Protein backbone atom coordinates (compact mmCIF):
# COMPACT_ATOMS: atom_id res chain seq x y z
CA MET A 1 12.70 18.66 34.38
CA GLU A 2 10.81 16.44 36.82
CA PRO A 3 8.00 14.40 35.29
CA PRO A 4 4.53 15.19 36.65
CA HIS A 5 3.59 13.32 39.81
CA VAL A 6 0.36 11.30 39.66
CA VAL A 7 -1.04 10.15 43.02
CA ILE A 8 -3.66 7.40 42.80
CA VAL A 9 -5.58 6.64 45.98
CA GLY A 10 -7.14 3.18 46.01
CA ALA A 11 -5.88 -0.10 44.54
CA GLY A 12 -9.27 -1.46 43.58
CA PHE A 13 -10.31 -1.97 39.97
CA GLY A 14 -10.29 1.73 39.06
CA GLY A 15 -7.02 2.66 40.73
CA LEU A 16 -5.21 -0.46 39.59
CA TRP A 17 -6.16 -0.03 35.93
CA ALA A 18 -5.30 3.67 36.07
CA ALA A 19 -1.84 2.83 37.41
CA ARG A 20 -1.39 0.10 34.79
CA GLY A 21 -2.17 2.63 32.07
CA LEU A 22 0.68 4.85 33.30
CA VAL A 23 3.39 2.19 33.65
CA ASN A 24 6.68 3.28 32.04
CA ARG A 25 5.13 6.51 30.78
CA PRO A 26 6.75 9.94 31.30
CA VAL A 27 5.05 10.43 34.67
CA ARG A 28 5.88 9.49 38.26
CA VAL A 29 3.12 7.44 39.92
CA THR A 30 2.43 6.82 43.61
CA LEU A 31 -0.30 4.26 44.25
CA VAL A 32 -1.72 4.52 47.77
CA ASP A 33 -3.94 1.99 49.52
CA ARG A 34 -4.63 1.14 53.15
CA ASN A 35 -4.04 -2.54 52.27
CA ASN A 36 -1.04 -4.05 50.51
CA TYR A 37 -3.23 -6.18 48.26
CA HIS A 38 -5.84 -5.89 45.52
CA THR A 39 -9.11 -7.75 46.15
CA PHE A 40 -11.16 -9.35 43.40
CA PHE A 41 -14.47 -8.17 44.83
CA PRO A 42 -16.82 -10.20 42.58
CA LEU A 43 -15.74 -13.36 44.42
CA LEU A 44 -15.70 -11.88 47.92
CA TYR A 45 -18.98 -13.57 48.79
CA GLN A 46 -17.31 -16.96 48.21
CA VAL A 47 -14.83 -16.17 50.98
CA ALA A 48 -17.78 -15.43 53.26
CA ALA A 49 -19.43 -18.72 52.18
CA ALA A 50 -16.33 -20.83 52.97
CA GLU A 51 -15.67 -21.70 49.32
CA LEU A 52 -12.45 -19.71 48.90
CA VAL A 53 -9.81 -18.30 51.23
CA PRO A 54 -8.72 -14.64 51.15
CA THR A 55 -5.44 -15.42 49.40
CA ASP A 56 -7.37 -16.96 46.49
CA ILE A 57 -8.86 -13.61 45.50
CA ALA A 58 -6.22 -11.18 46.77
CA HIS A 59 -2.94 -10.26 45.08
CA PRO A 60 -0.05 -8.18 46.50
CA VAL A 61 -0.02 -4.77 44.84
CA ARG A 62 3.74 -4.43 44.96
CA SER A 63 4.20 -7.64 42.99
CA ILE A 64 1.92 -6.29 40.23
CA PHE A 65 4.22 -3.28 39.71
CA ARG A 66 7.59 -4.77 40.62
CA ARG A 67 8.89 -4.22 37.08
CA ALA A 68 7.35 -0.76 36.65
CA ARG A 69 10.20 1.74 36.87
CA ASN A 70 7.95 4.73 37.53
CA VAL A 71 5.38 3.31 39.98
CA ASP A 72 5.84 3.52 43.74
CA VAL A 73 3.41 1.69 46.02
CA ARG A 74 2.64 3.05 49.47
CA MET A 75 0.60 1.28 52.14
CA ALA A 76 -1.20 4.16 53.83
CA ALA A 77 -4.68 5.42 54.62
CA MET A 78 -5.92 8.72 53.22
CA THR A 79 -6.81 11.08 56.05
CA GLY A 80 -7.42 14.37 54.27
CA LEU A 81 -7.05 16.48 51.15
CA ASP A 82 -5.66 19.95 50.58
CA LEU A 83 -6.96 20.94 47.16
CA ASP A 84 -5.32 24.38 47.12
CA ARG A 85 -1.92 23.04 48.04
CA ARG A 86 -2.40 19.96 45.84
CA ALA A 87 -1.57 17.53 48.60
CA VAL A 88 -3.08 14.26 49.78
CA LEU A 89 -2.82 13.73 53.52
CA THR A 90 -2.13 10.19 54.71
CA ASP A 91 -1.30 8.52 58.00
CA THR A 92 2.31 8.18 56.80
CA GLY A 93 2.68 11.80 55.69
CA PRO A 94 1.49 14.16 52.90
CA LEU A 95 1.91 13.53 49.19
CA ASP A 96 2.10 16.44 46.78
CA TYR A 97 0.60 15.81 43.35
CA ASP A 98 0.32 17.30 39.89
CA TYR A 99 -2.57 14.95 39.08
CA LEU A 100 -4.75 13.17 41.61
CA VAL A 101 -6.90 10.11 40.94
CA LEU A 102 -9.36 9.25 43.69
CA ALA A 103 -10.50 5.64 43.39
CA LEU A 104 -11.61 5.11 46.97
CA GLY A 105 -14.49 2.77 46.24
CA SER A 106 -17.63 2.75 48.34
CA GLU A 107 -19.07 1.88 51.72
CA PRO A 108 -22.24 -0.01 52.64
CA ASN A 109 -25.41 2.08 52.39
CA PHE A 110 -27.77 1.25 55.25
CA PHE A 111 -30.37 3.80 54.06
CA GLY A 112 -30.97 5.00 57.60
CA VAL A 113 -32.44 1.67 58.75
CA PRO A 114 -32.19 1.65 62.57
CA GLY A 115 -29.76 -0.93 63.88
CA ALA A 116 -28.42 -1.96 60.47
CA ALA A 117 -24.98 -0.41 60.93
CA GLU A 118 -24.68 -1.87 64.43
CA TYR A 119 -25.98 -5.41 63.94
CA ALA A 120 -25.89 -6.33 60.24
CA PHE A 121 -22.87 -7.85 58.53
CA PRO A 122 -21.89 -5.88 55.41
CA LEU A 123 -20.19 -7.71 52.56
CA ARG A 124 -18.03 -5.02 51.03
CA TRP A 125 -14.41 -5.63 52.09
CA MET A 126 -12.20 -8.59 52.95
CA ALA A 127 -12.47 -7.52 56.58
CA ASP A 128 -16.24 -8.14 56.27
CA ALA A 129 -16.11 -11.52 54.53
CA VAL A 130 -13.85 -13.38 56.95
CA PRO A 131 -15.74 -12.47 60.16
CA LEU A 132 -19.03 -13.32 58.42
CA ARG A 133 -17.72 -16.76 57.46
CA HIS A 134 -16.62 -17.44 61.02
CA HIS A 135 -19.88 -16.11 62.39
CA VAL A 136 -21.93 -18.55 60.28
CA LEU A 137 -19.75 -21.47 61.39
CA THR A 138 -20.00 -20.52 65.04
CA ARG A 139 -23.81 -20.28 64.81
CA PHE A 140 -23.87 -23.99 64.06
CA GLU A 141 -21.45 -24.74 66.86
CA ALA A 142 -23.63 -22.81 69.28
CA ALA A 143 -26.84 -24.38 67.94
CA SER A 144 -25.58 -27.87 68.76
CA THR A 145 -25.97 -27.14 72.49
CA ALA A 146 -28.45 -24.20 72.56
CA ASP A 147 -31.94 -24.19 74.05
CA PRO A 148 -34.83 -24.29 71.52
CA ALA A 149 -35.58 -20.53 71.66
CA ARG A 150 -32.03 -19.46 70.82
CA ARG A 151 -31.58 -22.38 68.41
CA GLN A 152 -34.24 -20.85 66.16
CA ARG A 153 -32.36 -17.55 66.07
CA LEU A 154 -29.01 -19.25 65.49
CA LEU A 155 -30.27 -21.21 62.49
CA THR A 156 -32.08 -18.34 60.75
CA PHE A 157 -30.04 -16.34 58.24
CA VAL A 158 -31.38 -13.17 56.62
CA VAL A 159 -29.80 -11.68 53.49
CA VAL A 160 -30.95 -8.14 52.73
CA GLY A 161 -30.77 -7.06 49.09
CA GLY A 162 -31.71 -8.92 45.91
CA GLY A 163 -28.96 -7.62 43.64
CA PRO A 164 -26.12 -9.82 42.32
CA THR A 165 -24.24 -9.96 45.63
CA GLY A 166 -27.33 -10.87 47.65
CA VAL A 167 -28.47 -13.51 45.18
CA GLU A 168 -25.00 -15.03 44.87
CA TYR A 169 -24.38 -15.11 48.60
CA ALA A 170 -27.80 -16.58 49.37
CA GLY A 171 -27.16 -19.36 46.84
CA ALA A 172 -23.64 -20.02 48.14
CA LEU A 173 -24.83 -20.00 51.76
CA SER A 174 -27.53 -22.53 50.91
CA GLU A 175 -24.99 -24.85 49.30
CA LEU A 176 -22.70 -24.51 52.33
CA ILE A 177 -25.41 -25.19 54.90
CA PHE A 178 -27.45 -27.87 53.15
CA GLY A 179 -24.26 -29.57 52.00
CA PRO A 180 -21.26 -30.03 54.29
CA LEU A 181 -22.50 -28.17 57.38
CA LEU A 182 -25.55 -30.35 57.96
CA GLU A 183 -23.32 -33.40 57.48
CA ASP A 184 -20.94 -31.98 60.08
CA PHE A 185 -23.84 -31.39 62.49
CA PRO A 186 -26.12 -34.45 62.35
CA GLY A 187 -28.05 -33.13 65.36
CA VAL A 188 -29.37 -30.21 63.28
CA ASP A 189 -32.39 -31.04 61.15
CA ARG A 190 -32.54 -29.39 57.72
CA ASP A 191 -36.06 -28.12 58.46
CA GLU A 192 -34.68 -26.10 61.38
CA VAL A 193 -32.57 -23.95 59.05
CA ARG A 194 -34.05 -20.88 57.39
CA ILE A 195 -32.39 -18.66 54.80
CA GLU A 196 -34.44 -15.60 53.88
CA LEU A 197 -33.59 -13.22 51.05
CA VAL A 198 -35.36 -9.88 51.50
CA GLU A 199 -35.69 -7.43 48.58
CA ALA A 200 -37.58 -4.14 48.81
CA SER A 201 -38.44 -3.98 45.10
CA GLY A 202 -40.69 -6.37 43.25
CA ALA A 203 -37.93 -8.29 41.46
CA LEU A 204 -34.51 -9.82 41.92
CA LEU A 205 -31.52 -8.63 39.88
CA GLY A 206 -33.14 -5.33 38.96
CA GLY A 207 -30.56 -4.49 36.30
CA MET A 208 -31.33 -7.62 34.29
CA PRO A 209 -34.31 -8.66 32.16
CA GLU A 210 -37.30 -9.70 34.23
CA GLN A 211 -37.20 -13.34 33.15
CA LEU A 212 -33.67 -13.72 34.55
CA GLY A 213 -34.77 -12.36 37.91
CA ARG A 214 -37.65 -14.84 37.94
CA TYR A 215 -35.29 -17.68 37.08
CA ALA A 216 -32.95 -16.66 39.92
CA GLY A 217 -35.88 -16.66 42.35
CA GLU A 218 -37.01 -20.11 41.21
CA ARG A 219 -33.53 -21.58 41.58
CA LEU A 220 -33.09 -20.06 45.02
CA THR A 221 -36.45 -21.44 46.13
CA LYS A 222 -35.36 -24.93 45.00
CA ARG A 223 -32.28 -24.44 47.16
CA ARG A 224 -34.51 -23.82 50.20
CA VAL A 225 -34.03 -20.04 50.22
CA GLY A 226 -37.13 -18.04 51.05
CA VAL A 227 -37.43 -15.12 48.63
CA ARG A 228 -39.40 -12.12 49.90
CA LEU A 229 -40.03 -9.47 47.24
CA GLY A 230 -41.59 -6.09 47.89
CA THR A 231 -40.47 -6.33 51.50
CA ALA A 232 -38.32 -3.72 53.19
CA VAL A 233 -36.39 -4.02 56.43
CA GLY A 234 -37.71 -1.67 59.10
CA VAL A 235 -35.35 -2.34 62.01
CA VAL A 236 -32.37 -4.59 62.60
CA GLU A 237 -31.96 -5.70 66.20
CA LYS A 238 -29.32 -7.80 67.90
CA ASP A 239 -31.49 -10.90 67.77
CA ALA A 240 -34.22 -10.09 65.21
CA VAL A 241 -35.21 -8.31 62.02
CA ARG A 242 -38.45 -6.34 61.83
CA LEU A 243 -39.88 -6.20 58.33
CA SER A 244 -41.94 -3.39 56.86
CA GLY A 245 -45.17 -5.39 57.14
CA GLY A 246 -44.66 -5.91 60.86
CA GLU A 247 -43.33 -9.48 60.72
CA ILE A 248 -40.44 -10.28 63.04
CA LEU A 249 -37.73 -12.77 62.04
CA PRO A 250 -35.73 -13.99 65.05
CA THR A 251 -32.12 -14.18 63.88
CA GLU A 252 -28.55 -13.50 64.93
CA THR A 253 -27.28 -13.24 61.34
CA VAL A 254 -28.26 -10.38 59.04
CA VAL A 255 -26.14 -9.94 55.90
CA TRP A 256 -26.51 -6.51 54.30
CA THR A 257 -26.02 -6.37 50.51
CA ALA A 258 -28.69 -3.75 49.80
CA GLY A 259 -26.48 -1.03 48.35
CA VAL A 260 -23.38 1.12 48.62
CA ARG A 261 -22.56 4.80 48.96
CA GLY A 262 -19.50 6.93 48.35
CA GLU A 263 -16.72 7.60 50.83
CA PRO A 264 -18.49 9.40 53.73
CA ARG A 265 -15.54 11.75 54.37
CA ALA A 266 -15.56 13.21 50.84
CA ALA A 267 -17.55 16.32 51.80
CA ALA A 268 -15.26 17.05 54.75
CA TRP A 269 -12.31 16.90 52.37
CA GLY A 270 -13.81 19.69 50.24
CA LEU A 271 -15.17 17.53 47.45
CA PRO A 272 -18.62 18.16 45.98
CA VAL A 273 -21.06 15.42 46.98
CA GLY A 274 -24.11 14.30 45.02
CA PRO A 275 -26.58 11.42 45.28
CA ALA A 276 -25.59 8.51 47.58
CA GLY A 277 -22.44 10.33 48.65
CA ARG A 278 -20.90 10.15 45.17
CA VAL A 279 -18.75 12.93 43.72
CA PRO A 280 -20.07 14.50 40.47
CA VAL A 281 -17.48 14.60 37.69
CA THR A 282 -17.32 15.97 34.17
CA PRO A 283 -17.42 13.64 31.13
CA PHE A 284 -13.60 13.75 31.34
CA LEU A 285 -13.85 12.28 34.88
CA HIS A 286 -12.34 15.26 36.68
CA LEU A 287 -13.90 17.78 39.04
CA GLU A 288 -15.72 20.66 37.38
CA GLU A 289 -13.38 23.33 38.72
CA ARG A 290 -10.21 21.27 39.16
CA SER A 291 -9.12 19.48 36.03
CA GLU A 292 -6.14 17.96 37.83
CA VAL A 293 -8.37 15.98 40.24
CA PHE A 294 -10.00 12.87 38.78
CA VAL A 295 -12.59 10.71 40.54
CA ILE A 296 -13.41 7.23 39.26
CA GLY A 297 -15.17 4.03 40.22
CA ASP A 298 -17.86 3.76 42.88
CA LEU A 299 -17.07 7.21 44.25
CA ALA A 300 -17.71 9.00 40.94
CA TYR A 301 -21.16 10.17 39.87
CA LEU A 302 -21.64 10.38 36.12
CA GLU A 303 -24.79 9.86 34.09
CA ASP A 304 -25.12 7.96 30.84
CA GLY A 305 -26.77 9.31 27.71
CA GLU A 306 -30.23 8.55 29.11
CA GLY A 307 -29.69 10.42 32.36
CA ARG A 308 -29.09 7.34 34.51
CA ALA A 309 -26.20 7.19 36.96
CA LEU A 310 -23.52 4.74 35.89
CA PRO A 311 -23.67 1.62 38.08
CA GLN A 312 -21.15 0.99 40.83
CA VAL A 313 -19.68 -2.15 39.28
CA ALA A 314 -16.20 -3.37 38.42
CA GLN A 315 -16.46 -2.82 34.67
CA VAL A 316 -17.27 0.87 35.09
CA ALA A 317 -14.24 1.31 37.37
CA ILE A 318 -11.92 -0.58 35.01
CA GLN A 319 -12.97 1.42 31.96
CA GLN A 320 -12.75 4.70 33.87
CA GLY A 321 -9.29 3.77 35.12
CA ARG A 322 -8.14 3.24 31.56
CA ARG A 323 -9.71 6.49 30.39
CA VAL A 324 -8.15 8.51 33.23
CA ALA A 325 -4.71 7.10 32.44
CA ALA A 326 -5.16 8.12 28.81
CA ASN A 327 -6.38 11.58 29.81
CA VAL A 328 -3.46 12.14 32.18
CA ARG A 329 -1.04 11.13 29.43
CA ALA A 330 -2.80 13.44 26.98
CA ASN A 331 -2.92 16.44 29.31
CA ALA A 332 0.69 16.01 30.40
CA GLY A 333 1.68 15.89 26.74
CA GLY A 334 -0.29 19.00 25.82
CA ARG A 335 -3.02 17.10 23.96
CA PRO A 336 -6.77 17.38 24.54
CA MET A 337 -8.48 14.89 26.82
CA ALA A 338 -11.31 12.64 25.62
CA PRO A 339 -14.67 12.12 27.35
CA PHE A 340 -15.52 8.83 28.98
CA THR A 341 -17.98 6.51 27.26
CA TYR A 342 -19.11 3.40 29.09
CA ARG A 343 -19.41 0.26 27.02
CA ASP A 344 -21.64 -2.07 28.99
CA PRO A 345 -20.42 -5.67 28.57
CA GLY A 346 -23.41 -7.01 30.46
CA MET A 347 -24.16 -8.46 33.87
CA LEU A 348 -23.79 -11.93 35.35
CA ALA A 349 -24.82 -13.66 38.55
CA VAL A 350 -24.38 -17.25 39.69
CA ILE A 351 -27.07 -18.87 41.82
CA GLY A 352 -25.19 -22.06 42.59
CA ARG A 353 -24.15 -25.31 41.00
CA ASN A 354 -24.92 -25.34 37.27
CA ALA A 355 -27.16 -22.28 37.56
CA ALA A 356 -26.41 -18.70 36.58
CA VAL A 357 -27.91 -15.81 34.66
CA ALA A 358 -26.21 -13.51 32.18
CA HIS A 359 -27.30 -10.49 30.20
CA VAL A 360 -24.50 -9.87 27.71
CA PHE A 361 -24.55 -7.96 24.43
CA GLY A 362 -28.33 -7.88 24.52
CA PHE A 363 -28.73 -11.63 25.02
CA ALA A 364 -30.38 -13.15 28.09
CA LEU A 365 -28.82 -16.48 29.09
CA LYS A 366 -29.53 -18.81 32.00
CA GLY A 367 -28.63 -22.24 33.32
CA TRP A 368 -25.54 -24.14 32.18
CA THR A 369 -24.62 -21.72 29.40
CA ALA A 370 -24.59 -18.72 31.72
CA TRP A 371 -22.80 -20.74 34.39
CA PHE A 372 -19.89 -21.64 32.08
CA LEU A 373 -19.74 -18.04 30.86
CA TRP A 374 -19.64 -16.82 34.46
CA LEU A 375 -16.82 -19.25 35.30
CA GLY A 376 -14.72 -18.26 32.30
CA ILE A 377 -15.09 -14.52 32.76
CA HIS A 378 -14.30 -14.55 36.47
CA ILE A 379 -11.23 -16.74 36.04
CA SER A 380 -9.92 -14.55 33.21
CA TRP A 381 -10.25 -11.35 35.24
CA LEU A 382 -8.44 -12.66 38.32
CA ILE A 383 -4.96 -11.19 38.69
CA GLY A 384 -2.07 -13.64 38.76
CA PHE A 385 -1.68 -17.23 37.55
CA ARG A 386 -1.54 -18.53 41.12
CA ASN A 387 -4.92 -17.01 41.97
CA ARG A 388 -6.50 -18.45 38.82
CA ALA A 389 -5.07 -21.89 39.52
CA LEU A 390 -6.16 -21.92 43.17
CA VAL A 391 -9.69 -20.75 42.41
CA LEU A 392 -10.07 -23.33 39.65
CA LEU A 393 -8.75 -26.04 41.98
CA ASN A 394 -11.15 -25.06 44.77
CA TRP A 395 -14.11 -24.84 42.42
CA GLY A 396 -13.28 -28.23 40.94
CA TRP A 397 -12.96 -29.84 44.37
CA ASN A 398 -16.22 -28.31 45.58
CA TYR A 399 -18.02 -29.35 42.41
CA VAL A 400 -16.86 -32.97 42.43
CA ARG A 401 -16.85 -33.62 46.17
CA TYR A 402 -19.69 -31.35 47.33
CA ARG A 403 -17.35 -30.10 50.06
CA ARG A 404 -16.21 -26.73 51.33
CA ALA A 405 -12.68 -27.04 52.68
CA VAL A 406 -12.58 -23.66 54.42
CA ARG A 407 -14.51 -24.52 57.57
CA LEU A 408 -11.91 -23.77 60.23
CA ILE A 409 -12.54 -21.61 63.29
CA LEU A 410 -9.18 -20.28 64.43
CA PRO A 411 -8.31 -17.79 67.20
CA THR A 412 -7.46 -14.07 66.93
CA VAL A 413 -10.08 -12.46 64.66
CA ARG A 414 -13.57 -11.45 65.73
CA ALA A 415 -16.19 -13.85 64.44
CA SER A 416 -19.24 -12.03 65.74
CA ARG A 417 -20.14 -9.12 67.91
CA GLU A 418 -20.14 -11.08 71.15
CA ASP A 419 -17.81 -14.01 70.45
CA ALA A 420 -14.06 -14.36 70.88
CA ASP A 421 -11.59 -13.30 68.22
CA TYR A 422 -10.74 -15.48 65.22
CA GLU A 423 -7.90 -15.51 62.75
CA GLN A 424 -8.38 -14.13 59.22
CA LEU A 425 -7.50 -17.21 57.20
């Protein structure tokens, strides 16, 4: 008798941990992803800020499962879903399943802001981080010969969203610009550069205690980042941002970290869609009417005991991946499934050298203590010894030498919407 076939779509945190939980179990697993690598998303902003290269935070999926006898990896993009036939449609052909795990992640949520999708740089995937890094570098190259009017736009950088990604990227961008870049471009005065962090709510890091958000704002201000709270973005244009109060910021660089939404094609595939494009699931993480279809990670909508939607963060996806693997094993073995319970380990954000905030196990930490905690946790969660060693080496070099080594502009991959192509390295 053939073992049940489990198709997992997405090799992010949720999909990867679900597949790991099924290794060498009495099931056949096919892990599908449009890329052949897993990305460690919490450090993606450091690729965009020229601190790390893509290979530091990416790991080949096939190498993770090379010794797993029952796991097949397929590089393919999901194009559709036939729920009645129990088949996933991909650009390399259909895949029939007995159990399906959708771990497709999320897409940037522009909240209907005009021009945001066209002109803002999202920071969600590796394909976003590399062009953004090259775009920032080419703004300085262009500024060295630009007329005064365009020079102002070139040297103004607007980060939209005061959550962890926005705060971390604004801090990293400040260290990049006011460190090695200004040394590389002696003709650019530090007072010409503006970095503005725009947050619609009244506080940074909304999921953390208020004092940690205040600390983050103070540290960013010391790093020459303008922090604008209670300010929404009204329109994003090619060469400016219009704020809700009517102010116009001339800029050619808008980085959008204001939120994410579920896979936009989910409804067309016949899946129920709830708030922010997320798919509602039962406490067992499957669809209400189809117990063989599980949805986890950013795409899944599930509320906690207080009626709040679970956050779209890595720890939720990892824990859901583990629970789904256990539930598939239980169901395939004729045992009852168990509901998912999220155990919140806390939240961390680094603001730059020697400065971070952490809310873990009910304790609020900041400064050096939180910074060391942030370093240790992120290194431990990276996949592969090589990745851990390279990241540690890069961090050590940057810390001691105040340098960012990844400042190359190479041909073949697009660096901005009007510039030539630049290579993804």
